[in-house]
Amino acid sequence: MENKVKNIVTLTDKAVEELKRILSKEENKNLCVRLGIQGGGCSGLSYKLSYDEPKEKDYVIEQDEGKSLGR
């Protein structure tokens, strides 16, 4: 079951278009964008983007009829 939350991340229109273009080429239509934050990098944090299917405890952020994942 997906948890719905207010948008804590907002993508530009151009980023949404690019993600839709990339995801439209995938055979698995359940894929979403997963955004992760972890320790490391110059500022002490690094960010990770990947494509994944929603998991039960994910927070799902929808923008412009697209879905992003966060946990």
PDB file of N, CA and C in Angstrom:
ATOM      1  N   MET A   1       0.836  -1.177   0.000  1.00  0.00           N
ATOM      2  CA  MET A   1       0.000   0.000   0.000  1.00  0.00           C
ATOM      3  C   MET A   1       0.882   1.242   0.000  1.00  0.00           C
ATOM      4  N   GLU A   2       0.570   2.222  -0.791  1.00  0.00           N
ATOM      5  CA  GLU A   2       1.362   3.427  -0.913  1.00  0.00           C
ATOM      6  C   GLU A   2       0.923   4.454   0.122  1.00  0.00           C
ATOM      7  N   ASN A   3       1.901   5.163   0.678  1.00  0.00           N
ATOM      8  CA  ASN A   3       1.629   6.271   1.580  1.00  0.00           C
ATOM      9  C   ASN A   3       1.660   7.559   0.777  1.00  0.00           C
ATOM     10  N   LYS A   4       0.613   8.357   0.838  1.00  0.00           N
ATOM     11  CA  LYS A   4       0.566   9.627   0.116  1.00  0.00           C
ATOM     12  C   LYS A   4       1.009  10.742   1.046  1.00  0.00           C
ATOM     13  N   VAL A   5       1.908  11.600   0.575  1.00  0.00           N
ATOM     14  CA  VAL A   5       2.384  12.731   1.360  1.00  0.00           C
ATOM     15  C   VAL A   5       2.381  13.967   0.479  1.00  0.00           C
ATOM     16  N   LYS A   6       2.458  15.126   1.117  1.00  0.00           N
ATOM     17  CA  LYS A   6       2.590  16.370   0.355  1.00  0.00           C
ATOM     18  C   LYS A   6       3.931  16.362  -0.363  1.00  0.00           C
ATOM     19  N   ASN A   7       3.997  17.073  -1.460  1.00  0.00           N
ATOM     20  CA  ASN A   7       5.241  17.136  -2.227  1.00  0.00           C
ATOM     21  C   ASN A   7       6.343  17.796  -1.409  1.00  0.00           C
ATOM     22  N   ILE A   8       7.385  17.043  -1.130  1.00  0.00           N
ATOM     23  CA  ILE A   8       8.550  17.593  -0.462  1.00  0.00           C
ATOM     24  C   ILE A   8       9.661  17.856  -1.470  1.00  0.00           C
ATOM     25  N   VAL A   9       9.437  17.375  -2.687  1.00  0.00           N
ATOM     26  CA  VAL A   9      10.358  17.602  -3.796  1.00  0.00           C
ATOM     27  C   VAL A   9       9.519  18.029  -4.989  1.00  0.00           C
ATOM     28  N   THR A  10       9.969  19.049  -5.696  1.00  0.00           N
ATOM     29  CA  THR A  10       9.271  19.498  -6.890  1.00  0.00           C
ATOM     30  C   THR A  10      10.245  19.459  -8.062  1.00  0.00           C
ATOM     31  N   LEU A  11       9.798  18.892  -9.158  1.00  0.00           N
ATOM     32  CA  LEU A  11      10.623  18.813 -10.362  1.00  0.00           C
ATOM     33  C   LEU A  11      10.225  19.915 -11.333  1.00  0.00           C
ATOM     34  N   THR A  12      11.191  20.387 -12.088  1.00  0.00           N
ATOM     35  CA  THR A  12      10.881  21.360 -13.134  1.00  0.00           C
ATOM     36  C   THR A  12      10.112  20.661 -14.242  1.00  0.00           C
ATOM     37  N   ASP A  13       9.419  21.440 -15.063  1.00  0.00           N
ATOM     38  CA  ASP A  13       8.672  20.875 -16.189  1.00  0.00           C
ATOM     39  C   ASP A  13       9.589  20.081 -17.111  1.00  0.00           C
ATOM     40  N   LYS A  14      10.791  20.591 -17.323  1.00  0.00           N
ATOM     41  CA  LYS A  14      11.752  19.926 -18.201  1.00  0.00           C
ATOM     42  C   LYS A  14      12.202  18.582 -17.618  1.00  0.00           C
ATOM     43  N   ALA A  15      12.396  18.540 -16.303  1.00  0.00           N
ATOM     44  CA  ALA A  15      12.784  17.285 -15.649  1.00  0.00           C
ATOM     45  C   ALA A  15      11.661  16.257 -15.742  1.00  0.00           C
ATOM     46  N   VAL A  16      10.420  16.685 -15.565  1.00  0.00           N
ATOM     47  CA  VAL A  16       9.262  15.790 -15.683  1.00  0.00           C
ATOM     48  C   VAL A  16       9.194  15.221 -17.100  1.00  0.00           C
ATOM     49  N   GLU A  17       9.368  16.076 -18.106  1.00  0.00           N
ATOM     50  CA  GLU A  17       9.352  15.612 -19.498  1.00  0.00           C
ATOM     51  C   GLU A  17      10.425  14.565 -19.741  1.00  0.00           C
ATOM     52  N   GLU A  18      11.623  14.809 -19.224  1.00  0.00           N
ATOM     53  CA  GLU A  18      12.736  13.879 -19.432  1.00  0.00           C
ATOM     54  C   GLU A  18      12.477  12.552 -18.727  1.00  0.00           C
ATOM     55  N   LEU A  19      11.966  12.583 -17.513  1.00  0.00           N
ATOM     56  CA  LEU A  19      11.668  11.342 -16.800  1.00  0.00           C
ATOM     57  C   LEU A  19      10.571  10.551 -17.504  1.00  0.00           C
ATOM     58  N   LYS A  20       9.558  11.242 -17.997  1.00  0.00           N
ATOM     59  CA  LYS A  20       8.500  10.561 -18.749  1.00  0.00           C
ATOM     60  C   LYS A  20       9.077   9.909 -20.007  1.00  0.00           C
ATOM     61  N   ARG A  21       9.977  10.614 -20.690  1.00  0.00           N
ATOM     62  CA  ARG A  21      10.602  10.075 -21.902  1.00  0.00           C
ATOM     63  C   ARG A  21      11.404   8.819 -21.574  1.00  0.00           C
ATOM     64  N   ILE A  22      12.187   8.881 -20.510  1.00  0.00           N
ATOM     65  CA  ILE A  22      13.016   7.740 -20.126  1.00  0.00           C
ATOM     66  C   ILE A  22      12.142   6.563 -19.697  1.00  0.00           C
ATOM     67  N   LEU A  23      11.148   6.817 -18.840  1.00  0.00           N
ATOM     68  CA  LEU A  23      10.310   5.739 -18.326  1.00  0.00           C
ATOM     69  C   LEU A  23       9.413   5.129 -19.409  1.00  0.00           C
ATOM     70  N   SER A  24       9.067   5.916 -20.436  1.00  0.00           N
ATOM     71  CA  SER A  24       8.213   5.385 -21.507  1.00  0.00           C
ATOM     72  C   SER A  24       8.919   4.294 -22.298  1.00  0.00           C
ATOM     73  N   LYS A  25      10.245   4.269 -22.257  1.00  0.00           N
ATOM     74  CA  LYS A  25      11.023   3.263 -22.984  1.00  0.00           C
ATOM     75  C   LYS A  25      11.163   1.957 -22.207  1.00  0.00           C
ATOM     76  N   GLU A  26      10.788   1.973 -20.932  1.00  0.00           N
ATOM     77  CA  GLU A  26      10.923   0.787 -20.089  1.00  0.00           C
ATOM     78  C   GLU A  26       9.753  -0.163 -20.302  1.00  0.00           C
ATOM     79  N   GLU A  27      10.036  -1.449 -20.305  1.00  0.00           N
ATOM     80  CA  GLU A  27       8.983  -2.454 -20.441  1.00  0.00           C
ATOM     81  C   GLU A  27       8.107  -2.504 -19.192  1.00  0.00           C
ATOM     82  N   ASN A  28       8.706  -2.349 -18.033  1.00  0.00           N
ATOM     83  CA  ASN A  28       7.977  -2.404 -16.767  1.00  0.00           C
ATOM     84  C   ASN A  28       7.301  -1.056 -16.528  1.00  0.00           C
ATOM     85  N   LYS A  29       6.004  -0.987 -16.696  1.00  0.00           N
ATOM     86  CA  LYS A  29       5.260   0.269 -16.563  1.00  0.00           C
ATOM     87  C   LYS A  29       5.000   0.655 -15.108  1.00  0.00           C
ATOM     88  N   ASN A  30       5.419  -0.203 -14.140  1.00  0.00           N
ATOM     89  CA  ASN A  30       5.266   0.117 -12.724  1.00  0.00           C
ATOM     90  C   ASN A  30       6.460   0.877 -12.166  1.00  0.00           C
ATOM     91  N   LEU A  31       7.492   1.072 -12.977  1.00  0.00           N
ATOM     92  CA  LEU A  31       8.683   1.754 -12.489  1.00  0.00           C
ATOM     93  C   LEU A  31       8.400   3.212 -12.147  1.00  0.00           C
ATOM     94  N   CYS A  32       9.034   3.665 -11.095  1.00  0.00           N
ATOM     95  CA  CYS A  32       8.981   5.060 -10.658  1.00  0.00           C
ATOM     96  C   CYS A  32      10.409   5.520 -10.423  1.00  0.00           C
ATOM     97  N   VAL A  33      10.565   6.781 -10.109  1.00  0.00           N
ATOM     98  CA  VAL A  33      11.872   7.335  -9.785  1.00  0.00           C
ATOM     99  C   VAL A  33      12.043   7.288  -8.273  1.00  0.00           C
ATOM    100  N   ARG A  34      13.141   6.717  -7.831  1.00  0.00           N
ATOM    101  CA  ARG A  34      13.439   6.655  -6.401  1.00  0.00           C
ATOM    102  C   ARG A  34      14.537   7.677  -6.096  1.00  0.00           C
ATOM    103  N   LEU A  35      14.271   8.559  -5.145  1.00  0.00           N
ATOM    104  CA  LEU A  35      15.240   9.554  -4.698  1.00  0.00           C
ATOM    105  C   LEU A  35      15.727   9.151  -3.325  1.00  0.00           C
ATOM    106  N   GLY A  36      17.029   9.059  -3.198  1.00  0.00           N
ATOM    107  CA  GLY A  36      17.616   8.692  -1.912  1.00  0.00           C
ATOM    108  C   GLY A  36      18.649   9.717  -1.481  1.00  0.00           C
ATOM    109  N   ILE A  37      18.799   9.858  -0.192  1.00  0.00           N
ATOM    110  CA  ILE A  37      19.808  10.739   0.395  1.00  0.00           C
ATOM    111  C   ILE A  37      20.602   9.897   1.371  1.00  0.00           C
ATOM    112  N   GLN A  38      21.939   9.983   1.273  1.00  0.00           N
ATOM    113  CA  GLN A  38      22.777   9.204   2.171  1.00  0.00           C
ATOM    114  C   GLN A  38      23.996  10.018   2.569  1.00  0.00           C
ATOM    115  N   GLY A  39      24.626   9.627   3.655  1.00  0.00           N
ATOM    116  CA  GLY A  39      25.823  10.311   4.113  1.00  0.00           C
ATOM    117  C   GLY A  39      26.962  10.142   3.128  1.00  0.00           C
ATOM    118  N   GLY A  40      27.781  11.182   2.984  1.00  0.00           N
ATOM    119  CA  GLY A  40      28.924  11.134   2.080  1.00  0.00           C
ATOM    120  C   GLY A  40      28.941  12.344   1.172  1.00  0.00           C
ATOM    121  N   GLY A  41      29.928  12.425   0.325  1.00  0.00           N
ATOM    122  CA  GLY A  41      30.027  13.558  -0.592  1.00  0.00           C
ATOM    123  C   GLY A  41      30.666  14.760   0.078  1.00  0.00           C
ATOM    124  N   CYS A  42      30.890  15.808  -0.678  1.00  0.00           N
ATOM    125  CA  CYS A  42      31.581  17.007  -0.183  1.00  0.00           C
ATOM    126  C   CYS A  42      30.810  17.736   0.914  1.00  0.00           C
ATOM    127  N   SER A  43      29.475  17.754   0.807  1.00  0.00           N
ATOM    128  CA  SER A  43      28.672  18.495   1.775  1.00  0.00           C
ATOM    129  C   SER A  43      28.211  17.619   2.936  1.00  0.00           C
ATOM    130  N   GLY A  44      28.617  16.371   2.942  1.00  0.00           N
ATOM    131  CA  GLY A  44      28.171  15.455   3.974  1.00  0.00           C
ATOM    132  C   GLY A  44      26.967  14.633   3.561  1.00  0.00           C
ATOM    133  N   LEU A  45      26.354  14.984   2.440  1.00  0.00           N
ATOM    134  CA  LEU A  45      25.221  14.232   1.909  1.00  0.00           C
ATOM    135  C   LEU A  45      25.426  13.982   0.433  1.00  0.00           C
ATOM    136  N   SER A  46      24.941  12.858  -0.045  1.00  0.00           N
ATOM    137  CA  SER A  46      24.919  12.624  -1.479  1.00  0.00           C
ATOM    138  C   SER A  46      23.519  12.146  -1.845  1.00  0.00           C
ATOM    139  N   TYR A  47      23.138  12.410  -3.054  1.00  0.00           N
ATOM    140  CA  TYR A  47      21.794  12.116  -3.527  1.00  0.00           C
ATOM    141  C   TYR A  47      21.868  11.032  -4.587  1.00  0.00           C
ATOM    142  N   LYS A  48      20.883  10.162  -4.579  1.00  0.00           N
ATOM    143  CA  LYS A  48      20.878   9.032  -5.498  1.00  0.00           C
ATOM    144  C   LYS A  48      19.517   8.963  -6.187  1.00  0.00           C
ATOM    145  N   LEU A  49      19.530   8.843  -7.495  1.00  0.00           N
ATOM    146  CA  LEU A  49      18.314   8.627  -8.280  1.00  0.00           C
ATOM    147  C   LEU A  49      18.399   7.245  -8.909  1.00  0.00           C
ATOM    148  N   SER A  50      17.294   6.521  -8.839  1.00  0.00           N
ATOM    149  CA  SER A  50      17.236   5.218  -9.498  1.00  0.00           C
ATOM    150  C   SER A  50      15.798   4.952  -9.913  1.00  0.00           C
ATOM    151  N   TYR A  51      15.601   3.909 -10.664  1.00  0.00           N
ATOM    152  CA  TYR A  51      14.270   3.502 -11.098  1.00  0.00           C
ATOM    153  C   TYR A  51      13.924   2.220 -10.360  1.00  0.00           C
ATOM    154  N   ASP A  52      12.728   2.171  -9.805  1.00  0.00           N
ATOM    155  CA  ASP A  52      12.351   1.046  -8.968  1.00  0.00           C
ATOM    156  C   ASP A  52      10.834   0.947  -8.913  1.00  0.00           C
ATOM    157  N   GLU A  53      10.336  -0.196  -8.467  1.00  0.00           N
ATOM    158  CA  GLU A  53       8.902  -0.352  -8.231  1.00  0.00           C
ATOM    159  C   GLU A  53       8.587   0.107  -6.806  1.00  0.00           C
ATOM    160  N   PRO A  54       7.386   0.631  -6.581  1.00  0.00           N
ATOM    161  CA  PRO A  54       7.010   1.059  -5.232  1.00  0.00           C
ATOM    162  C   PRO A  54       7.034  -0.113  -4.247  1.00  0.00           C
ATOM    163  N   LYS A  55       7.528   0.166  -3.052  1.00  0.00           N
ATOM    164  CA  LYS A  55       7.523  -0.798  -1.960  1.00  0.00           C
ATOM    165  C   LYS A  55       6.459  -0.377  -0.950  1.00  0.00           C
ATOM    166  N   GLU A  56       6.095  -1.273  -0.064  1.00  0.00           N
ATOM    167  CA  GLU A  56       4.983  -1.043   0.862  1.00  0.00           C
ATOM    168  C   GLU A  56       5.164   0.208   1.722  1.00  0.00           C
ATOM    169  N   LYS A  57       6.369   0.491   2.195  1.00  0.00           N
ATOM    170  CA  LYS A  57       6.576   1.616   3.108  1.00  0.00           C
ATOM    171  C   LYS A  57       7.065   2.882   2.415  1.00  0.00           C
ATOM    172  N   ASP A  58       7.022   2.929   1.108  1.00  0.00           N
ATOM    173  CA  ASP A  58       7.463   4.101   0.364  1.00  0.00           C
ATOM    174  C   ASP A  58       6.471   5.249   0.511  1.00  0.00           C
ATOM    175  N   TYR A  59       6.987   6.447   0.436  1.00  0.00           N
ATOM    176  CA  TYR A  59       6.154   7.635   0.287  1.00  0.00           C
ATOM    177  C   TYR A  59       6.127   7.957  -1.197  1.00  0.00           C
ATOM    178  N   VAL A  60       4.962   8.134  -1.750  1.00  0.00           N
ATOM    179  CA  VAL A  60       4.812   8.371  -3.177  1.00  0.00           C
ATOM    180  C   VAL A  60       4.456   9.830  -3.397  1.00  0.00           C
ATOM    181  N   ILE A  61       5.219  10.493  -4.244  1.00  0.00           N
ATOM    182  CA  ILE A  61       4.995  11.890  -4.585  1.00  0.00           C
ATOM    183  C   ILE A  61       4.595  11.928  -6.053  1.00  0.00           C
ATOM    184  N   GLU A  62       3.451  12.494  -6.340  1.00  0.00           N
ATOM    185  CA  GLU A  62       2.981  12.572  -7.714  1.00  0.00           C
ATOM    186  C   GLU A  62       3.046  14.020  -8.206  1.00  0.00           C
ATOM    187  N   GLN A  63       3.548  14.175  -9.404  1.00  0.00           N
ATOM    188  CA  GLN A  63       3.625  15.492 -10.034  1.00  0.00           C
ATOM    189  C   GLN A  63       3.348  15.309 -11.507  1.00  0.00           C
ATOM    190  N   ASP A  64       2.411  16.071 -12.040  1.00  0.00           N
ATOM    191  CA  ASP A  64       2.116  16.055 -13.481  1.00  0.00           C
ATOM    192  C   ASP A  64       1.858  14.634 -13.978  1.00  0.00           C
ATOM    193  N   GLU A  65       0.997  13.911 -13.258  1.00  0.00           N
ATOM    194  CA  GLU A  65       0.612  12.552 -13.625  1.00  0.00           C
ATOM    195  C   GLU A  65       1.770  11.575 -13.616  1.00  0.00           C
ATOM    196  N   GLY A  66       2.872  11.917 -12.981  1.00  0.00           N
ATOM    197  CA  GLY A  66       3.985  11.012 -12.842  1.00  0.00           C
ATOM    198  C   GLY A  66       4.173  10.687 -11.370  1.00  0.00           C
ATOM    199  N   LYS A  67       4.905   9.641 -11.055  1.00  0.00           N
ATOM    200  CA  LYS A  67       5.116   9.265  -9.672  1.00  0.00           C
ATOM    201  C   LYS A  67       6.592   9.247  -9.377  1.00  0.00           C
ATOM    202  N   SER A  68       6.929   9.680  -8.192  1.00  0.00           N
ATOM    203  CA  SER A  68       8.283   9.561  -7.651  1.00  0.00           C
ATOM    204  C   SER A  68       8.162   8.795  -6.352  1.00  0.00           C
ATOM    205  N   LEU A  69       9.233   8.198  -5.925  1.00  0.00           N
ATOM    206  CA  LEU A  69       9.229   7.456  -4.674  1.00  0.00           C
ATOM    207  C   LEU A  69      10.174   8.107  -3.682  1.00  0.00           C
ATOM    208  N   GLY A  70       9.851   7.983  -2.453  1.00  0.00           N
ATOM    209  CA  GLY A  70      10.764   8.397  -1.380  1.00  0.00           C
ATOM    210  C   GLY A  70      10.544   7.485  -0.209  1.00  0.00           C
ATOM    211  N   ARG A  71      11.528   7.292   0.597  1.00  0.00           N
ATOM    212  CA  ARG A  71      11.366   6.454   1.766  1.00  0.00           C
ATOM    213  C   ARG A  71      11.952   7.136   2.955  1.00  0.00           C
TER     214      ARG A  71
END
